[in-house]
Protein backbone atom coordinates (compact mmCIF):
# COMPACT_ATOMS: atom_id res chain seq x y z
CA MET A 1 94.70 103.35 149.99
CA LEU A 2 91.04 104.37 149.69
CA ALA A 3 90.18 101.23 147.75
CA GLN A 4 91.66 99.16 150.57
CA GLU A 5 89.68 101.07 153.18
CA LEU A 6 86.25 100.78 151.52
CA PRO A 7 85.59 97.14 152.49
CA SER A 8 86.13 97.98 156.16
CA LEU A 9 83.39 100.64 156.19
CA LYS A 10 80.43 99.54 158.28
CA ASP A 11 77.80 101.53 156.35
CA PRO A 12 75.27 99.04 154.89
CA ARG A 13 74.39 101.52 152.13
CA ILE A 14 77.80 101.09 150.53
CA GLY A 15 77.63 98.22 148.09
CA PHE A 16 80.32 96.73 145.89
CA VAL A 17 82.48 99.72 144.90
CA THR A 18 85.45 99.83 142.55
CA ILE A 19 87.68 102.90 142.49
CA THR A 20 88.40 103.64 138.82
CA GLY A 21 90.44 106.81 139.04
CA ALA A 22 91.33 109.97 140.87
CA LYS A 23 92.11 113.54 139.91
CA ALA A 24 93.51 116.33 142.07
CA SER A 25 93.26 120.08 141.65
CA PRO A 26 96.56 121.82 140.85
CA ASP A 27 96.77 123.18 144.41
CA LEU A 28 95.98 119.71 145.84
CA ARG A 29 93.13 121.09 147.95
CA HIS A 30 90.50 118.97 146.18
CA ALA A 31 90.56 115.38 144.97
CA TRP A 32 87.88 113.75 142.85
CA ILE A 33 87.56 110.01 143.33
CA TYR A 34 85.81 108.18 140.49
CA TYR A 35 84.09 104.89 141.20
CA THR A 36 81.70 102.34 139.78
CA THR A 37 79.18 100.30 141.69
CA MET A 38 76.74 97.54 140.92
CA GLY A 39 73.02 97.50 141.57
CA SER A 40 69.84 99.35 140.79
CA ASP A 41 69.59 103.13 140.60
CA SER A 42 68.37 103.29 144.19
CA GLU A 43 71.24 101.08 145.36
CA ARG A 44 73.72 103.30 143.51
CA ARG A 45 72.20 106.40 145.09
CA ALA A 46 72.48 104.73 148.52
CA THR A 47 76.14 103.93 147.85
CA ALA A 48 76.76 107.56 146.87
CA ALA A 49 75.12 108.72 150.11
CA GLY A 50 77.19 106.23 152.11
CA LEU A 51 80.40 107.45 150.50
CA ARG A 52 79.48 111.07 151.26
CA SER A 53 78.85 110.06 154.86
CA ALA A 54 82.20 108.23 155.07
CA THR A 55 84.17 111.09 153.51
CA PRO A 56 85.53 112.52 156.81
CA HIS A 57 86.81 109.09 157.85
CA LEU A 58 88.30 108.42 154.42
CA ARG A 59 89.92 111.85 154.41
CA SER A 60 91.60 111.02 157.72
CA VAL A 61 92.87 107.77 156.20
CA VAL A 62 94.45 109.80 153.40
CA GLY A 63 95.94 112.14 156.01
CA ARG A 64 97.68 109.24 157.75
CA GLN A 65 99.20 108.07 154.47
CA VAL A 66 100.44 111.28 152.84
CA ARG A 67 102.26 114.37 154.04
CA LEU A 68 100.72 117.48 152.53
CA LYS A 69 100.42 121.03 153.78
CA PHE A 70 96.66 120.84 153.18
CA LEU A 71 94.62 117.67 153.25
CA PRO A 72 92.45 117.58 150.12
CA GLU A 73 88.68 117.67 150.27
CA LEU A 74 87.42 114.40 148.77
CA HIS A 75 84.65 114.44 146.18
CA PHE A 76 83.23 111.08 145.11
CA GLU A 77 81.78 110.90 141.61
CA GLN A 78 80.30 107.92 139.85
CA ASP A 79 82.39 107.04 136.80
CA PRO A 80 80.10 107.26 133.75
CA THR A 81 82.25 104.91 131.66
CA ARG A 82 80.17 101.78 132.37
CA GLU A 83 76.88 103.47 131.47
CA GLN A 84 78.43 104.93 128.33
CA GLY A 85 79.67 101.48 127.32
CA GLU A 86 76.25 99.96 127.93
CA ARG A 87 74.67 102.69 125.76
CA ILE A 88 77.14 101.99 122.93
CA ASP A 89 76.42 98.26 123.20
CA GLU A 90 72.68 98.95 122.98
CA LEU A 91 73.10 101.16 119.91
CA LEU A 92 75.26 98.53 118.21
CA ARG A 93 72.70 95.84 119.04
CA GLN A 94 69.92 97.97 117.53
CA LEU A 95 71.95 98.55 114.37
CA HIS A 96 72.64 94.85 114.06
CA GLU A 97 68.94 94.00 114.47
CA ARG A 98 68.02 96.49 111.75
CA GLY A 99 70.61 94.98 109.46
CA ASP A 100 72.64 98.19 109.20
CA GLY A 101 75.76 96.68 110.72
C-alpha cells in the first residue's frame, strides 16, 4: 500500500523510490520501511527528508487500510543492500585486475 502511494506524493525531493522490505516491532507500535533510491548522495538525502516529511500522510494511508488498536509509527531507512553489492563488485573487480581471481 505504501509503495502504491509514493508516486502520488507531490514532494519534489522524493525521487525514484523502491520499497524493499518492512519490519514491525512485536507490539506493532513501530514499523521500519526499507527502501532504495537512485541518484547522488544529496539526492538520496533529499529523498530521505521528503519521506520523513510525508510520514504523517503515509501513516494515515496505513490507518485506512488496516485495523489495529495502535497505528504504528513509521520509520524509513535506506536499504544498504545496493551499496553492499556495489562494494562487493568493486572488490571483485580489484581482485580480478590484480590477477588474484
